[in-house]
Amino acid sequence: MTPVDPDFRRQLEGWSLATAEITYRLPDARSILQTYLWQDYDLAPEFPKLRDFLDFWSRELEGPLHSVRVCHSRLLGAREVNCRTHEVMLH
């Protein structure tokens, strides 16, 4: 039996892929904005993993946050899972 992919299992448990575009100010030049992309599986709409990351950023990094834009994929639900009884092999 093939092991189940942990990311697939998380999707079935309600996790979805979240992407955050983090805009921050450079420590040495506060008038210049820079972007950083963060992506991980997280629970919408609370996004606890993203919040932990942003807390870490605010506490440990010098570039102050300007804004955060979040996108997430739809949750994978039972209506999107189809059971197949046949397998076809192509050469």
N, C-alpha and C. Protein backbone atom coordinates (compact mmCIF):
# COMPACT_ATOMS: atom_id res chain seq x y z
N MET A 1 0.84 -1.18 0.00
CA MET A 1 0.00 0.00 0.00
C MET A 1 0.88 1.24 0.00
N THR A 2 0.54 2.19 -0.83
CA THR A 2 1.29 3.44 -0.95
C THR A 2 0.92 4.37 0.20
N PRO A 3 1.91 4.97 0.88
CA PRO A 3 1.58 5.89 1.97
C PRO A 3 0.87 7.14 1.43
N VAL A 4 -0.01 7.69 2.25
CA VAL A 4 -0.76 8.88 1.86
C VAL A 4 0.12 10.11 2.03
N ASP A 5 0.11 10.96 1.02
CA ASP A 5 0.88 12.20 1.05
C ASP A 5 0.39 13.06 2.21
N PRO A 6 1.29 13.55 3.09
CA PRO A 6 0.85 14.35 4.24
C PRO A 6 0.10 15.63 3.84
N ASP A 7 0.48 16.24 2.71
CA ASP A 7 -0.23 17.45 2.27
C ASP A 7 -1.66 17.12 1.85
N PHE A 8 -1.86 15.98 1.20
CA PHE A 8 -3.21 15.55 0.82
C PHE A 8 -4.05 15.29 2.07
N ARG A 9 -3.44 14.63 3.05
CA ARG A 9 -4.16 14.35 4.30
C ARG A 9 -4.58 15.64 5.00
N ARG A 10 -3.68 16.63 5.01
CA ARG A 10 -4.01 17.93 5.62
C ARG A 10 -5.18 18.60 4.91
N GLN A 11 -5.23 18.49 3.58
CA GLN A 11 -6.34 19.08 2.82
C GLN A 11 -7.66 18.43 3.22
N LEU A 12 -7.65 17.13 3.41
CA LEU A 12 -8.88 16.45 3.82
C LEU A 12 -9.29 16.84 5.24
N GLU A 13 -8.33 17.27 6.05
CA GLU A 13 -8.61 17.71 7.42
C GLU A 13 -8.98 19.19 7.50
N GLY A 14 -9.05 19.87 6.35
CA GLY A 14 -9.47 21.27 6.33
C GLY A 14 -8.38 22.28 6.07
N TRP A 15 -7.14 21.84 5.92
CA TRP A 15 -6.04 22.76 5.63
C TRP A 15 -6.09 23.13 4.15
N SER A 16 -5.65 24.34 3.82
CA SER A 16 -5.57 24.76 2.43
C SER A 16 -4.24 25.47 2.20
N LEU A 17 -3.81 25.48 0.95
CA LEU A 17 -2.57 26.13 0.62
C LEU A 17 -2.77 27.64 0.70
N ALA A 18 -1.96 28.28 1.49
CA ALA A 18 -2.06 29.74 1.66
C ALA A 18 -0.78 30.38 1.14
N THR A 19 -0.94 31.50 0.46
CA THR A 19 0.18 32.29 -0.03
C THR A 19 0.02 33.70 0.50
N ALA A 20 1.08 34.23 1.06
CA ALA A 20 1.04 35.60 1.59
C ALA A 20 2.13 36.43 0.90
N GLU A 21 1.71 37.58 0.39
CA GLU A 21 2.66 38.54 -0.13
C GLU A 21 2.90 39.56 0.98
N ILE A 22 4.09 39.51 1.55
CA ILE A 22 4.43 40.35 2.69
C ILE A 22 5.25 41.54 2.18
N THR A 23 4.74 42.73 2.41
CA THR A 23 5.46 43.95 2.03
C THR A 23 6.03 44.55 3.30
N TYR A 24 7.33 44.85 3.26
CA TYR A 24 7.99 45.39 4.45
C TYR A 24 8.93 46.51 4.06
N ARG A 25 9.30 47.31 5.04
CA ARG A 25 10.23 48.41 4.82
C ARG A 25 11.66 47.94 5.08
N LEU A 26 12.58 48.41 4.26
CA LEU A 26 13.98 48.05 4.47
C LEU A 26 14.48 48.71 5.76
N PRO A 27 15.27 47.98 6.55
CA PRO A 27 15.74 48.53 7.83
C PRO A 27 16.56 49.82 7.68
N ASP A 28 17.40 49.89 6.64
CA ASP A 28 18.30 51.04 6.45
C ASP A 28 17.68 52.17 5.64
N ALA A 29 16.60 51.87 4.93
CA ALA A 29 15.95 52.88 4.09
C ALA A 29 14.44 52.68 4.21
N ARG A 30 13.85 53.24 5.24
CA ARG A 30 12.44 53.01 5.56
C ARG A 30 11.46 53.44 4.47
N SER A 31 11.90 54.29 3.56
CA SER A 31 11.00 54.73 2.49
C SER A 31 10.94 53.73 1.33
N ILE A 32 11.81 52.71 1.34
CA ILE A 32 11.82 51.69 0.29
C ILE A 32 11.08 50.45 0.77
N LEU A 33 10.15 49.97 -0.07
CA LEU A 33 9.39 48.76 0.25
C LEU A 33 9.95 47.58 -0.52
N GLN A 34 9.92 46.43 0.11
CA GLN A 34 10.39 45.17 -0.47
C GLN A 34 9.29 44.14 -0.26
N THR A 35 9.22 43.11 -1.10
CA THR A 35 8.21 42.05 -0.90
C THR A 35 8.88 40.71 -0.64
N TYR A 36 8.15 39.88 0.08
CA TYR A 36 8.58 38.52 0.41
C TYR A 36 7.35 37.64 0.24
N LEU A 37 7.50 36.49 -0.44
CA LEU A 37 6.38 35.56 -0.61
C LEU A 37 6.54 34.40 0.36
N TRP A 38 5.47 34.11 1.09
CA TRP A 38 5.43 33.00 2.05
C TRP A 38 4.33 32.06 1.59
N GLN A 39 4.59 30.74 1.63
CA GLN A 39 3.58 29.78 1.22
C GLN A 39 3.68 28.53 2.09
N ASP A 40 2.51 28.08 2.59
CA ASP A 40 2.46 26.87 3.41
C ASP A 40 0.99 26.47 3.54
N TYR A 41 0.75 25.27 4.02
CA TYR A 41 -0.62 24.84 4.30
C TYR A 41 -1.04 25.45 5.63
N ASP A 42 -2.25 26.01 5.65
CA ASP A 42 -2.73 26.71 6.83
C ASP A 42 -4.25 26.56 6.92
N LEU A 43 -4.80 26.90 8.06
CA LEU A 43 -6.25 26.82 8.28
C LEU A 43 -6.89 28.18 8.08
N ALA A 44 -7.70 28.30 7.04
CA ALA A 44 -8.43 29.55 6.79
C ALA A 44 -9.67 29.58 7.66
N PRO A 45 -10.16 30.69 8.13
CA PRO A 45 -9.66 32.04 7.90
C PRO A 45 -8.75 32.55 9.00
N GLU A 46 -8.44 31.74 10.02
CA GLU A 46 -7.59 32.22 11.13
C GLU A 46 -6.12 32.28 10.75
N PHE A 47 -5.65 31.35 9.89
CA PHE A 47 -4.26 31.28 9.45
C PHE A 47 -3.26 31.27 10.62
N PRO A 48 -3.31 30.26 11.49
CA PRO A 48 -2.40 30.24 12.66
C PRO A 48 -0.92 30.14 12.28
N LYS A 49 -0.59 29.39 11.23
CA LYS A 49 0.83 29.29 10.84
C LYS A 49 1.36 30.62 10.31
N LEU A 50 0.55 31.31 9.52
CA LEU A 50 0.96 32.61 9.01
C LEU A 50 1.09 33.61 10.16
N ARG A 51 0.16 33.59 11.09
CA ARG A 51 0.24 34.50 12.25
C ARG A 51 1.52 34.24 13.06
N ASP A 52 1.85 32.96 13.25
CA ASP A 52 3.10 32.62 13.96
C ASP A 52 4.31 33.17 13.22
N PHE A 53 4.30 33.03 11.88
CA PHE A 53 5.41 33.54 11.09
C PHE A 53 5.51 35.06 11.20
N LEU A 54 4.37 35.75 11.12
CA LEU A 54 4.38 37.21 11.22
C LEU A 54 4.79 37.69 12.61
N ASP A 55 4.41 36.93 13.64
CA ASP A 55 4.87 37.25 15.00
C ASP A 55 6.39 37.12 15.09
N PHE A 56 6.92 36.02 14.51
CA PHE A 56 8.36 35.83 14.48
C PHE A 56 9.03 36.99 13.74
N TRP A 57 8.46 37.36 12.60
CA TRP A 57 9.03 38.47 11.80
C TRP A 57 9.10 39.75 12.64
N SER A 58 7.99 40.09 13.27
CA SER A 58 7.93 41.33 14.06
C SER A 58 8.90 41.31 15.23
N ARG A 59 9.09 40.14 15.81
CA ARG A 59 9.92 40.01 17.00
C ARG A 59 11.41 39.93 16.66
N GLU A 60 11.77 39.23 15.56
CA GLU A 60 13.17 38.90 15.29
C GLU A 60 13.83 39.65 14.13
N LEU A 61 13.05 40.15 13.19
CA LEU A 61 13.63 40.79 12.01
C LEU A 61 13.51 42.30 12.09
N GLU A 62 14.44 42.99 11.45
CA GLU A 62 14.49 44.45 11.57
C GLU A 62 13.59 45.19 10.60
N GLY A 63 13.24 44.58 9.47
CA GLY A 63 12.39 45.26 8.49
C GLY A 63 10.94 45.29 8.94
N PRO A 64 10.41 46.47 9.33
CA PRO A 64 9.03 46.53 9.81
C PRO A 64 8.02 46.19 8.71
N LEU A 65 6.97 45.49 9.10
CA LEU A 65 5.93 45.11 8.16
C LEU A 65 5.13 46.32 7.70
N HIS A 66 4.81 46.35 6.43
CA HIS A 66 3.97 47.41 5.87
C HIS A 66 2.57 46.86 5.62
N SER A 67 2.48 45.71 4.94
CA SER A 67 1.17 45.12 4.64
C SER A 67 1.35 43.64 4.31
N VAL A 68 0.24 42.89 4.41
CA VAL A 68 0.24 41.47 4.08
C VAL A 68 -1.02 41.18 3.27
N ARG A 69 -0.84 40.56 2.11
CA ARG A 69 -1.97 40.17 1.27
C ARG A 69 -1.98 38.65 1.22
N VAL A 70 -3.13 38.04 1.55
CA VAL A 70 -3.23 36.59 1.67
C VAL A 70 -4.18 36.02 0.63
N CYS A 71 -3.79 34.91 0.01
CA CYS A 71 -4.64 34.14 -0.89
C CYS A 71 -4.58 32.69 -0.43
N HIS A 72 -5.67 31.96 -0.63
CA HIS A 72 -5.64 30.53 -0.28
C HIS A 72 -6.48 29.74 -1.26
N SER A 73 -6.10 28.49 -1.44
CA SER A 73 -6.84 27.62 -2.35
C SER A 73 -8.11 27.12 -1.68
N ARG A 74 -9.03 26.68 -2.49
CA ARG A 74 -10.25 26.12 -1.93
C ARG A 74 -9.92 24.84 -1.16
N LEU A 75 -10.73 24.55 -0.18
CA LEU A 75 -10.55 23.31 0.57
C LEU A 75 -10.92 22.12 -0.30
N LEU A 76 -10.18 21.06 -0.15
CA LEU A 76 -10.47 19.83 -0.87
C LEU A 76 -11.51 19.07 -0.07
N GLY A 77 -12.68 18.90 -0.64
CA GLY A 77 -13.76 18.23 0.07
C GLY A 77 -14.14 16.92 -0.59
N ALA A 78 -15.07 16.23 0.02
CA ALA A 78 -15.48 14.91 -0.47
C ALA A 78 -16.04 14.97 -1.89
N ARG A 79 -16.69 16.08 -2.25
CA ARG A 79 -17.27 16.16 -3.59
C ARG A 79 -16.22 16.17 -4.67
N GLU A 80 -14.97 16.45 -4.33
CA GLU A 80 -13.90 16.49 -5.31
C GLU A 80 -13.08 15.21 -5.35
N VAL A 81 -13.37 14.26 -4.49
CA VAL A 81 -12.65 13.01 -4.45
C VAL A 81 -13.50 11.95 -5.15
N ASN A 82 -12.94 11.34 -6.18
CA ASN A 82 -13.64 10.29 -6.92
C ASN A 82 -12.93 8.97 -6.72
N CYS A 83 -13.67 7.95 -6.35
CA CYS A 83 -13.09 6.62 -6.19
C CYS A 83 -13.12 5.91 -7.55
N ARG A 84 -12.02 5.31 -7.92
CA ARG A 84 -11.91 4.59 -9.19
C ARG A 84 -11.69 3.12 -8.90
N THR A 85 -12.34 2.28 -9.69
CA THR A 85 -12.18 0.84 -9.50
C THR A 85 -11.31 0.21 -10.55
N HIS A 86 -10.93 0.97 -11.59
CA HIS A 86 -10.11 0.44 -12.67
C HIS A 86 -8.84 1.27 -12.83
N GLU A 87 -7.81 0.60 -13.27
CA GLU A 87 -6.55 1.27 -13.52
C GLU A 87 -6.11 0.92 -14.92
N VAL A 88 -5.70 1.89 -15.70
CA VAL A 88 -5.25 1.68 -17.07
C VAL A 88 -3.79 2.08 -17.14
N MET A 89 -2.97 1.19 -17.71
CA MET A 89 -1.54 1.46 -17.85
C MET A 89 -1.25 1.74 -19.32
N LEU A 90 -0.58 2.86 -19.60
CA LEU A 90 -0.18 3.21 -20.94
C LEU A 90 1.34 3.11 -21.03
N HIS A 91 1.80 2.63 -22.15
CA HIS A 91 3.26 2.50 -22.34
C HIS A 91 3.84 3.81 -22.78
